[in-house]
């Protein structure tokens, strides 16, 4: 049940997220997968390492597919090249069962994730003020009955 609740929450988060947040979720997932792959590599768990690397590859591929090549210009082209390089690092790490390419891929994606976090802070929507009625005082003549949350 606990696993289903997590997946329901994750599904809701993905389905309701704005595009910028989706990019951040992809980065977080890729970084988590690479971290897992590094841990499984140290433990010698080949199957788990391979699954984690494959998941990271799929997430990086999704980042590449999400690029707007028509409007993105040079930034989009550079990100596409970088994602391609990260994919090669992940493939090399998986094939040769070595950590340095995983570490480099993690460092590169981490730097990009930080940049996207800064972008999100700049373009974040302004705080929404409380509704107008929330600041109005209740007329003492109105019936007001407190609601209890106890069962």
C-alpha atoms as a PDB file:
ATOM      1  CA  UNK A   1       0.000   0.000   0.000  1.00  0.00           C
ATOM      2  CA  UNK A   2       2.800   2.381   0.895  1.00  0.00           C
ATOM      3  CA  UNK A   3       4.374   1.904  -2.530  1.00  0.00           C
ATOM      4  CA  UNK A   4       1.032   2.610  -4.232  1.00  0.00           C
ATOM      5  CA  UNK A   5       0.626   5.833  -2.262  1.00  0.00           C
ATOM      6  CA  UNK A   6       4.091   6.959  -3.350  1.00  0.00           C
ATOM      7  CA  UNK A   7       3.355   6.169  -6.998  1.00  0.00           C
ATOM      8  CA  UNK A   8      -0.003   7.953  -6.780  1.00  0.00           C
ATOM      9  CA  UNK A   9       1.723  11.006  -5.341  1.00  0.00           C
ATOM     10  CA  UNK A  10       4.416  10.869  -8.026  1.00  0.00           C
ATOM     11  CA  UNK A  11       1.824  10.446 -10.789  1.00  0.00           C
ATOM     12  CA  UNK A  12      -0.080  13.456  -9.460  1.00  0.00           C
ATOM     13  CA  UNK A  13       3.104  15.518  -9.193  1.00  0.00           C
ATOM     14  CA  UNK A  14       4.085  14.730 -12.786  1.00  0.00           C
ATOM     15  CA  UNK A  15       0.619  15.204 -14.265  1.00  0.00           C
ATOM     16  CA  UNK A  16       0.102  18.597 -12.628  1.00  0.00           C
ATOM     17  CA  UNK A  17       3.634  19.981 -12.914  1.00  0.00           C
ATOM     18  CA  UNK A  18       4.478  22.925 -15.154  1.00  0.00           C
ATOM     19  CA  UNK A  19       7.169  22.265 -17.810  1.00  0.00           C
ATOM     20  CA  UNK A  20      10.025  23.738 -15.760  1.00  0.00           C
ATOM     21  CA  UNK A  21       9.196  21.489 -12.824  1.00  0.00           C
ATOM     22  CA  UNK A  22       9.046  18.471 -15.151  1.00  0.00           C
ATOM     23  CA  UNK A  23      12.602  19.214 -16.288  1.00  0.00           C
ATOM     24  CA  UNK A  24      13.680  19.410 -12.652  1.00  0.00           C
ATOM     25  CA  UNK A  25      11.976  16.070 -11.934  1.00  0.00           C
ATOM     26  CA  UNK A  26      13.862  14.479 -14.841  1.00  0.00           C
ATOM     27  CA  UNK A  27      17.158  15.777 -13.487  1.00  0.00           C
ATOM     28  CA  UNK A  28      16.339  14.580  -9.970  1.00  0.00           C
ATOM     29  CA  UNK A  29      15.423  11.136 -11.300  1.00  0.00           C
ATOM     30  CA  UNK A  30      18.566  10.872 -13.415  1.00  0.00           C
ATOM     31  CA  UNK A  31      20.786  11.945 -10.532  1.00  0.00           C
ATOM     32  CA  UNK A  32      19.091   9.490  -8.164  1.00  0.00           C
ATOM     33  CA  UNK A  33      19.572   6.692 -10.707  1.00  0.00           C
ATOM     34  CA  UNK A  34      23.253   7.483 -11.197  1.00  0.00           C
ATOM     35  CA  UNK A  35      23.762   7.596  -7.452  1.00  0.00           C
ATOM     36  CA  UNK A  36      22.107   4.182  -7.179  1.00  0.00           C
ATOM     37  CA  UNK A  37      24.238   2.836 -10.028  1.00  0.00           C
ATOM     38  CA  UNK A  38      27.401   3.960  -8.233  1.00  0.00           C
ATOM     39  CA  UNK A  39      26.232   2.314  -5.023  1.00  0.00           C
ATOM     40  CA  UNK A  40      25.367  -0.949  -6.817  1.00  0.00           C
ATOM     41  CA  UNK A  41      28.718  -0.884  -8.623  1.00  0.00           C
ATOM     42  CA  UNK A  42      30.515  -0.769  -5.262  1.00  0.00           C
ATOM     43  CA  UNK A  43      28.345  -3.619  -3.988  1.00  0.00           C
ATOM     44  CA  UNK A  44      29.004  -5.706  -7.097  1.00  0.00           C
ATOM     45  CA  UNK A  45      25.287  -6.005  -7.921  1.00  0.00           C
ATOM     46  CA  UNK A  46      25.520  -6.120 -11.709  1.00  0.00           C
ATOM     47  CA  UNK A  47      21.802  -6.456 -12.428  1.00  0.00           C
ATOM     48  CA  UNK A  48      20.771  -3.559 -10.146  1.00  0.00           C
ATOM     49  CA  UNK A  49      23.592  -1.369 -11.490  1.00  0.00           C
ATOM     50  CA  UNK A  50      22.532  -2.073 -15.040  1.00  0.00           C
ATOM     51  CA  UNK A  51      18.888  -1.237 -14.269  1.00  0.00           C
ATOM     52  CA  UNK A  52      19.904   2.033 -12.599  1.00  0.00           C
ATOM     53  CA  UNK A  53      22.119   3.030 -15.535  1.00  0.00           C
ATOM     54  CA  UNK A  54      19.351   2.144 -17.991  1.00  0.00           C
ATOM     55  CA  UNK A  55      16.896   4.302 -16.056  1.00  0.00           C
ATOM     56  CA  UNK A  56      19.361   7.209 -16.065  1.00  0.00           C
ATOM     57  CA  UNK A  57      19.849   6.768 -19.821  1.00  0.00           C
ATOM     58  CA  UNK A  58      16.089   6.883 -20.386  1.00  0.00           C
ATOM     59  CA  UNK A  59      15.758  10.042 -18.312  1.00  0.00           C
ATOM     60  CA  UNK A  60      18.633  11.752 -20.146  1.00  0.00           C
ATOM     61  CA  UNK A  61      17.012  10.719 -23.450  1.00  0.00           C
ATOM     62  CA  UNK A  62      13.755  12.317 -22.274  1.00  0.00           C
ATOM     63  CA  UNK A  63      15.658  15.508 -21.429  1.00  0.00           C
ATOM     64  CA  UNK A  64      17.069  15.459 -24.954  1.00  0.00           C
ATOM     65  CA  UNK A  65      13.613  14.925 -26.480  1.00  0.00           C
ATOM     66  CA  UNK A  66      12.228  17.829 -24.456  1.00  0.00           C
ATOM     67  CA  UNK A  67      14.593  20.346 -26.045  1.00  0.00           C
ATOM     68  CA  UNK A  68      12.918  22.962 -28.216  1.00  0.00           C
ATOM     69  CA  UNK A  69      15.375  22.962 -31.079  1.00  0.00           C
ATOM     70  CA  UNK A  70      13.459  25.573 -33.092  1.00  0.00           C
ATOM     71  CA  UNK A  71      13.369  28.255 -30.396  1.00  0.00           C
ATOM     72  CA  UNK A  72      16.263  27.048 -28.237  1.00  0.00           C
ATOM     73  CA  UNK A  73      18.999  28.073 -30.625  1.00  0.00           C
ATOM     74  CA  UNK A  74      22.563  27.601 -29.445  1.00  0.00           C
ATOM     75  CA  UNK A  75      21.544  26.695 -25.892  1.00  0.00           C
ATOM     76  CA  UNK A  76      19.433  23.823 -27.183  1.00  0.00           C
ATOM     77  CA  UNK A  77      22.227  22.583 -29.441  1.00  0.00           C
ATOM     78  CA  UNK A  78      24.761  22.716 -26.605  1.00  0.00           C
ATOM     79  CA  UNK A  79      22.437  20.873 -24.231  1.00  0.00           C
ATOM     80  CA  UNK A  80      21.815  18.209 -26.890  1.00  0.00           C
ATOM     81  CA  UNK A  81      25.574  17.678 -27.251  1.00  0.00           C
ATOM     82  CA  UNK A  82      26.009  17.550 -23.488  1.00  0.00           C
ATOM     83  CA  UNK A  83      23.166  15.049 -23.078  1.00  0.00           C
ATOM     84  CA  UNK A  84      24.753  12.939 -25.823  1.00  0.00           C
ATOM     85  CA  UNK A  85      28.078  13.014 -24.002  1.00  0.00           C
ATOM     86  CA  UNK A  86      26.420  12.086 -20.705  1.00  0.00           C
ATOM     87  CA  UNK A  87      24.709   9.154 -22.432  1.00  0.00           C
ATOM     88  CA  UNK A  88      28.084   7.951 -23.736  1.00  0.00           C
ATOM     89  CA  UNK A  89      29.528   8.198 -20.223  1.00  0.00           C
ATOM     90  CA  UNK A  90      26.661   6.113 -18.837  1.00  0.00           C
ATOM     91  CA  UNK A  91      27.078   3.480 -21.559  1.00  0.00           C
ATOM     92  CA  UNK A  92      30.835   3.307 -20.963  1.00  0.00           C
ATOM     93  CA  UNK A  93      30.360   2.957 -17.197  1.00  0.00           C
ATOM     94  CA  UNK A  94      27.865   0.167 -17.681  1.00  0.00           C
ATOM     95  CA  UNK A  95      29.897  -1.730 -20.282  1.00  0.00           C
ATOM     96  CA  UNK A  96      33.226  -1.445 -18.470  1.00  0.00           C
ATOM     97  CA  UNK A  97      31.770  -1.594 -14.947  1.00  0.00           C
ATOM     98  CA  UNK A  98      33.791   1.404 -13.773  1.00  0.00           C
ATOM     99  CA  UNK A  99      32.923   4.401 -11.593  1.00  0.00           C
ATOM    100  CA  UNK A 100      34.727   7.409 -13.153  1.00  0.00           C
ATOM    101  CA  UNK A 101      32.245   7.870 -16.039  1.00  0.00           C
ATOM    102  CA  UNK A 102      29.354   7.640 -13.568  1.00  0.00           C
ATOM    103  CA  UNK A 103      30.998  10.246 -11.345  1.00  0.00           C
ATOM    104  CA  UNK A 104      31.518  12.580 -14.304  1.00  0.00           C
ATOM    105  CA  UNK A 105      27.935  12.123 -15.526  1.00  0.00           C
ATOM    106  CA  UNK A 106      26.663  12.805 -12.010  1.00  0.00           C
ATOM    107  CA  UNK A 107      28.785  15.950 -11.724  1.00  0.00           C
ATOM    108  CA  UNK A 108      27.631  17.284 -15.111  1.00  0.00           C
ATOM    109  CA  UNK A 109      23.954  16.597 -14.437  1.00  0.00           C
ATOM    110  CA  UNK A 110      24.307  18.050 -10.945  1.00  0.00           C
ATOM    111  CA  UNK A 111      25.681  21.299 -12.366  1.00  0.00           C
ATOM    112  CA  UNK A 112      22.867  21.476 -14.895  1.00  0.00           C
ATOM    113  CA  UNK A 113      20.272  20.720 -12.214  1.00  0.00           C
ATOM    114  CA  UNK A 114      21.628  23.606 -10.119  1.00  0.00           C
ATOM    115  CA  UNK A 115      21.341  25.912 -13.121  1.00  0.00           C
ATOM    116  CA  UNK A 116      17.728  24.857 -13.683  1.00  0.00           C
ATOM    117  CA  UNK A 117      17.036  25.446  -9.991  1.00  0.00           C
ATOM    118  CA  UNK A 118      18.290  29.023 -10.372  1.00  0.00           C
ATOM    119  CA  UNK A 119      16.142  29.468 -13.467  1.00  0.00           C
ATOM    120  CA  UNK A 120      13.125  28.237 -11.500  1.00  0.00           C
ATOM    121  CA  UNK A 121      13.827  30.787  -8.759  1.00  0.00           C
ATOM    122  CA  UNK A 122      13.943  33.604 -11.297  1.00  0.00           C
ATOM    123  CA  UNK A 123      10.789  32.656 -13.189  1.00  0.00           C
ATOM    124  CA  UNK A 124       8.787  31.439 -10.180  1.00  0.00           C
ATOM    125  CA  UNK A 125       5.316  32.916 -10.082  1.00  0.00           C
ATOM    126  CA  UNK A 126       4.850  35.662  -7.511  1.00  0.00           C
ATOM    127  CA  UNK A 127       3.292  34.814  -4.182  1.00  0.00           C
ATOM    128  CA  UNK A 128      -0.467  34.900  -4.366  1.00  0.00           C
ATOM    129  CA  UNK A 129      -2.036  37.251  -1.862  1.00  0.00           C
ATOM    130  CA  UNK A 130      -4.721  35.952   0.427  1.00  0.00           C
ATOM    131  CA  UNK A 131      -8.218  36.320  -0.982  1.00  0.00           C
ATOM    132  CA  UNK A 132      -9.918  39.593  -0.248  1.00  0.00           C
ATOM    133  CA  UNK A 133     -12.459  38.005   2.079  1.00  0.00           C
ATOM    134  CA  UNK A 134      -9.727  36.518   4.270  1.00  0.00           C
ATOM    135  CA  UNK A 135      -8.726  39.953   5.524  1.00  0.00           C
ATOM    136  CA  UNK A 136     -12.254  41.128   6.220  1.00  0.00           C
ATOM    137  CA  UNK A 137     -13.500  41.051   9.760  1.00  0.00           C
ATOM    138  CA  UNK A 138     -16.480  38.918  10.593  1.00  0.00           C
ATOM    139  CA  UNK A 139     -19.554  40.963  11.409  1.00  0.00           C
ATOM    140  CA  UNK A 140     -20.453  40.324  15.013  1.00  0.00           C
ATOM    141  CA  UNK A 141     -24.088  39.947  13.969  1.00  0.00           C
ATOM    142  CA  UNK A 142     -23.285  36.946  11.740  1.00  0.00           C
ATOM    143  CA  UNK A 143     -23.688  33.478  13.086  1.00  0.00           C
ATOM    144  CA  UNK A 144     -20.272  31.917  13.480  1.00  0.00           C
ATOM    145  CA  UNK A 145     -19.811  28.435  14.762  1.00  0.00           C
ATOM    146  CA  UNK A 146     -16.322  27.028  15.148  1.00  0.00           C
ATOM    147  CA  UNK A 147     -15.614  23.731  13.469  1.00  0.00           C
ATOM    148  CA  UNK A 148     -13.992  20.943  15.412  1.00  0.00           C
ATOM    149  CA  UNK A 149     -11.470  18.642  13.784  1.00  0.00           C
ATOM    150  CA  UNK A 150     -11.570  16.061  16.567  1.00  0.00           C
ATOM    151  CA  UNK A 151     -13.268  12.722  16.087  1.00  0.00           C
END
